[in-house]
């Protein structure tokens, strides 16, 4: 098996502290409302659009998430969960 790694770098106009805080602001990663804790390691939270019955917004949000993560390792748990939840909305 040929192990292919990926490394990248980029510059931003924020301080290291601002970048660190943005990366750790999990609630800010999604454009929709989140029901539950996002500030604790291992915390789980509900996907509010799907729970509220707004399947159109839920599908759009999952599509956005899956598009952004399309090149990620398919075995990442959150990606597997999102794919399964998205499939239930079809």
N, C-alpha and C. Protein backbone atom coordinates (compact mmCIF):
# COMPACT_ATOMS: atom_id res chain seq x y z
N UNK A 1 0.84 -1.18 0.00
CA UNK A 1 0.00 0.00 0.00
C UNK A 1 0.88 1.24 0.00
N UNK A 2 0.52 2.17 -0.83
CA UNK A 2 1.27 3.41 -0.93
C UNK A 2 0.63 4.45 -0.04
N UNK A 3 1.30 4.80 1.05
CA UNK A 3 0.76 5.77 2.01
C UNK A 3 1.01 7.17 1.48
N UNK A 4 -0.08 7.90 1.21
CA UNK A 4 0.06 9.26 0.72
C UNK A 4 -0.41 10.22 1.80
N UNK A 5 0.47 11.05 2.25
CA UNK A 5 0.13 12.04 3.25
C UNK A 5 -0.24 13.36 2.59
N UNK A 6 -0.75 14.27 3.37
CA UNK A 6 -1.11 15.58 2.86
C UNK A 6 -0.68 16.62 3.88
N UNK A 7 0.00 17.63 3.41
CA UNK A 7 0.43 18.73 4.26
C UNK A 7 0.16 20.03 3.51
N UNK A 8 -0.32 21.01 4.23
CA UNK A 8 -0.55 22.31 3.62
C UNK A 8 -0.30 23.39 4.65
N UNK A 9 -0.14 24.60 4.18
CA UNK A 9 -0.02 25.74 5.09
C UNK A 9 -0.71 26.93 4.43
N UNK A 10 -1.13 27.87 5.25
CA UNK A 10 -1.75 29.07 4.74
C UNK A 10 -1.58 30.18 5.75
N UNK A 11 -1.72 31.40 5.27
CA UNK A 11 -1.58 32.57 6.13
C UNK A 11 -2.95 33.20 6.35
N UNK A 12 -3.15 33.71 7.53
CA UNK A 12 -4.40 34.40 7.87
C UNK A 12 -4.06 35.73 8.53
N UNK A 13 -5.04 36.61 8.57
CA UNK A 13 -4.82 37.94 9.12
C UNK A 13 -5.24 38.01 10.59
N UNK A 14 -5.19 36.88 11.28
CA UNK A 14 -5.53 36.84 12.70
C UNK A 14 -4.31 36.44 13.52
N UNK A 15 -4.39 36.73 14.80
CA UNK A 15 -3.32 36.32 15.70
C UNK A 15 -3.42 34.81 15.93
N UNK A 16 -2.35 34.18 16.38
CA UNK A 16 -2.42 32.75 16.70
C UNK A 16 -3.54 32.45 17.71
N UNK A 17 -3.74 33.34 18.67
CA UNK A 17 -4.81 33.12 19.66
C UNK A 17 -6.19 33.15 18.99
N UNK A 18 -6.41 34.09 18.08
CA UNK A 18 -7.69 34.17 17.38
C UNK A 18 -7.94 32.93 16.52
N UNK A 19 -6.90 32.44 15.86
CA UNK A 19 -7.02 31.23 15.05
C UNK A 19 -7.33 30.03 15.94
N UNK A 20 -6.62 29.89 17.02
CA UNK A 20 -6.87 28.80 17.96
C UNK A 20 -8.31 28.83 18.46
N UNK A 21 -8.80 30.01 18.82
CA UNK A 21 -10.17 30.14 19.31
C UNK A 21 -11.18 29.80 18.23
N UNK A 22 -10.92 30.19 16.99
CA UNK A 22 -11.83 29.87 15.89
C UNK A 22 -11.89 28.37 15.63
N UNK A 23 -10.74 27.72 15.68
CA UNK A 23 -10.70 26.27 15.47
C UNK A 23 -11.47 25.55 16.57
N UNK A 24 -11.37 26.04 17.76
CA UNK A 24 -12.03 25.39 18.89
C UNK A 24 -13.47 25.84 19.11
N UNK A 25 -13.97 26.74 18.27
CA UNK A 25 -15.36 27.19 18.35
C UNK A 25 -16.22 26.28 17.48
N UNK A 26 -16.47 25.07 17.95
CA UNK A 26 -17.20 24.07 17.18
C UNK A 26 -18.58 24.59 16.78
N UNK A 27 -19.25 25.27 17.67
CA UNK A 27 -20.58 25.80 17.37
C UNK A 27 -20.54 26.70 16.14
N UNK A 28 -19.45 27.41 15.92
CA UNK A 28 -19.33 28.31 14.79
C UNK A 28 -19.06 27.62 13.46
N UNK A 29 -18.81 26.31 13.46
CA UNK A 29 -18.53 25.59 12.22
C UNK A 29 -19.76 25.40 11.37
N UNK A 30 -20.94 25.39 11.97
CA UNK A 30 -22.17 25.12 11.24
C UNK A 30 -22.97 26.40 11.09
N UNK A 31 -23.71 26.49 9.98
CA UNK A 31 -24.51 27.69 9.74
C UNK A 31 -25.88 27.60 10.40
N UNK A 32 -26.32 26.41 10.79
CA UNK A 32 -27.63 26.25 11.41
C UNK A 32 -27.55 26.28 12.92
N UNK A 33 -28.70 26.20 13.55
CA UNK A 33 -28.76 26.16 15.00
C UNK A 33 -28.34 24.77 15.50
N UNK A 34 -27.67 24.75 16.63
CA UNK A 34 -27.23 23.50 17.24
C UNK A 34 -27.85 23.40 18.61
N UNK A 35 -28.42 22.26 18.90
CA UNK A 35 -29.04 22.01 20.19
C UNK A 35 -28.11 21.12 21.00
N UNK A 36 -27.47 21.67 22.01
CA UNK A 36 -26.60 20.87 22.86
C UNK A 36 -25.24 21.51 23.07
N UNK A 37 -24.42 20.83 23.85
CA UNK A 37 -23.08 21.33 24.18
C UNK A 37 -22.11 21.09 23.03
N UNK A 38 -21.24 22.06 22.78
CA UNK A 38 -20.17 21.88 21.81
C UNK A 38 -18.82 22.23 22.41
N UNK A 39 -18.80 22.51 23.70
CA UNK A 39 -17.57 22.98 24.32
C UNK A 39 -16.88 21.92 25.17
N UNK A 40 -17.35 20.68 25.11
CA UNK A 40 -16.75 19.60 25.91
C UNK A 40 -16.26 18.50 24.99
N UNK A 41 -15.10 17.95 25.28
CA UNK A 41 -14.55 16.85 24.51
C UNK A 41 -15.53 15.69 24.50
N UNK A 42 -15.85 15.20 23.32
CA UNK A 42 -16.75 14.06 23.19
C UNK A 42 -18.22 14.41 23.30
N UNK A 43 -18.55 15.71 23.42
CA UNK A 43 -19.95 16.10 23.55
C UNK A 43 -20.71 15.76 22.28
N UNK A 44 -21.96 15.42 22.43
CA UNK A 44 -22.82 15.16 21.30
C UNK A 44 -23.88 16.23 21.25
N UNK A 45 -24.32 16.60 20.05
CA UNK A 45 -25.37 17.59 19.92
C UNK A 45 -26.30 17.19 18.79
N UNK A 46 -27.52 17.63 18.89
CA UNK A 46 -28.54 17.29 17.90
C UNK A 46 -28.40 18.17 16.68
N UNK A 47 -28.80 17.64 15.55
CA UNK A 47 -28.85 18.41 14.32
C UNK A 47 -30.23 19.06 14.28
N UNK A 48 -30.28 20.33 14.64
CA UNK A 48 -31.56 21.00 14.91
C UNK A 48 -32.50 21.05 13.71
N UNK A 49 -31.98 21.24 12.52
CA UNK A 49 -32.88 21.29 11.37
C UNK A 49 -33.63 19.98 11.20
N UNK A 50 -32.92 18.88 11.29
CA UNK A 50 -33.57 17.57 11.13
C UNK A 50 -34.55 17.33 12.27
N UNK A 51 -34.15 17.68 13.47
CA UNK A 51 -35.02 17.47 14.62
C UNK A 51 -36.28 18.33 14.57
N UNK A 52 -36.16 19.50 13.96
CA UNK A 52 -37.32 20.39 13.90
C UNK A 52 -38.24 20.04 12.74
N UNK A 53 -37.83 19.09 11.91
CA UNK A 53 -38.65 18.68 10.79
C UNK A 53 -38.39 19.46 9.51
N UNK A 54 -37.42 20.36 9.52
CA UNK A 54 -37.10 21.14 8.33
C UNK A 54 -36.11 20.34 7.48
N UNK A 55 -36.65 19.35 6.76
CA UNK A 55 -35.78 18.44 6.01
C UNK A 55 -35.04 19.13 4.87
N UNK A 56 -35.64 20.15 4.27
CA UNK A 56 -34.96 20.86 3.18
C UNK A 56 -33.68 21.53 3.68
N UNK A 57 -33.78 22.25 4.81
CA UNK A 57 -32.58 22.89 5.39
C UNK A 57 -31.61 21.84 5.91
N UNK A 58 -32.13 20.76 6.48
CA UNK A 58 -31.26 19.70 6.98
C UNK A 58 -30.46 19.09 5.83
N UNK A 59 -31.14 18.77 4.72
CA UNK A 59 -30.43 18.20 3.56
C UNK A 59 -29.38 19.16 3.04
N UNK A 60 -29.72 20.44 2.94
CA UNK A 60 -28.77 21.44 2.43
C UNK A 60 -27.55 21.55 3.35
N UNK A 61 -27.80 21.52 4.65
CA UNK A 61 -26.70 21.62 5.62
C UNK A 61 -25.80 20.40 5.55
N UNK A 62 -26.41 19.21 5.46
CA UNK A 62 -25.59 17.99 5.33
C UNK A 62 -24.82 18.01 4.01
N UNK A 63 -25.44 18.45 2.93
CA UNK A 63 -24.74 18.51 1.64
C UNK A 63 -23.53 19.44 1.73
N UNK A 64 -23.71 20.58 2.40
CA UNK A 64 -22.60 21.52 2.58
C UNK A 64 -21.47 20.87 3.38
N UNK A 65 -21.84 20.21 4.48
CA UNK A 65 -20.85 19.55 5.32
C UNK A 65 -20.11 18.47 4.53
N UNK A 66 -20.88 17.61 3.82
CA UNK A 66 -20.26 16.51 3.09
C UNK A 66 -19.40 17.00 1.94
N UNK A 67 -19.76 18.10 1.34
CA UNK A 67 -18.94 18.69 0.28
C UNK A 67 -17.61 19.17 0.84
N UNK A 68 -17.66 19.82 2.00
CA UNK A 68 -16.43 20.31 2.62
C UNK A 68 -15.51 19.17 3.07
N UNK A 69 -16.10 18.05 3.42
CA UNK A 69 -15.34 16.92 3.94
C UNK A 69 -15.14 15.82 2.89
N UNK A 70 -15.37 16.10 1.62
CA UNK A 70 -15.35 15.07 0.58
C UNK A 70 -13.99 14.38 0.43
N UNK A 71 -12.92 15.05 0.75
CA UNK A 71 -11.58 14.47 0.61
C UNK A 71 -11.03 13.92 1.92
N UNK A 72 -11.84 13.94 2.96
CA UNK A 72 -11.39 13.45 4.28
C UNK A 72 -11.39 11.93 4.31
N UNK A 73 -10.70 11.39 5.27
CA UNK A 73 -10.70 9.94 5.50
C UNK A 73 -12.14 9.49 5.74
N UNK A 74 -12.67 8.57 4.94
CA UNK A 74 -14.07 8.18 5.09
C UNK A 74 -14.38 7.46 6.39
N UNK A 75 -13.38 7.09 7.15
CA UNK A 75 -13.61 6.39 8.41
C UNK A 75 -13.68 7.33 9.62
N UNK A 76 -13.60 8.63 9.40
CA UNK A 76 -13.73 9.58 10.50
C UNK A 76 -15.16 9.47 11.04
N UNK A 77 -15.29 9.23 12.34
CA UNK A 77 -16.63 8.98 12.90
C UNK A 77 -17.67 10.04 12.57
N UNK A 78 -17.34 11.33 12.69
CA UNK A 78 -18.34 12.37 12.43
C UNK A 78 -18.78 12.35 10.97
N UNK A 79 -17.88 11.98 10.06
CA UNK A 79 -18.23 11.91 8.65
C UNK A 79 -19.15 10.72 8.39
N UNK A 80 -18.85 9.60 9.01
CA UNK A 80 -19.72 8.43 8.88
C UNK A 80 -21.11 8.71 9.43
N UNK A 81 -21.18 9.39 10.57
CA UNK A 81 -22.46 9.73 11.18
C UNK A 81 -23.25 10.68 10.29
N UNK A 82 -22.57 11.69 9.74
CA UNK A 82 -23.25 12.65 8.89
C UNK A 82 -23.79 11.98 7.63
N UNK A 83 -23.03 11.06 7.06
CA UNK A 83 -23.51 10.34 5.86
C UNK A 83 -24.74 9.51 6.19
N UNK A 84 -24.73 8.84 7.34
CA UNK A 84 -25.87 8.02 7.73
C UNK A 84 -27.10 8.88 8.01
N UNK A 85 -26.90 10.01 8.67
CA UNK A 85 -28.02 10.90 8.97
C UNK A 85 -28.57 11.52 7.69
N UNK A 86 -27.69 11.88 6.76
CA UNK A 86 -28.11 12.44 5.49
C UNK A 86 -28.92 11.40 4.69
N UNK A 87 -28.48 10.17 4.71
CA UNK A 87 -29.19 9.10 3.99
C UNK A 87 -30.61 8.93 4.52
N UNK A 88 -30.81 9.12 5.81
CA UNK A 88 -32.15 9.00 6.39
C UNK A 88 -33.10 10.10 5.91
N UNK A 89 -32.53 11.21 5.45
CA UNK A 89 -33.35 12.34 4.99
C UNK A 89 -33.78 12.20 3.53
N UNK A 90 -33.21 11.24 2.84
CA UNK A 90 -33.53 11.06 1.40
C UNK A 90 -34.87 10.40 1.20
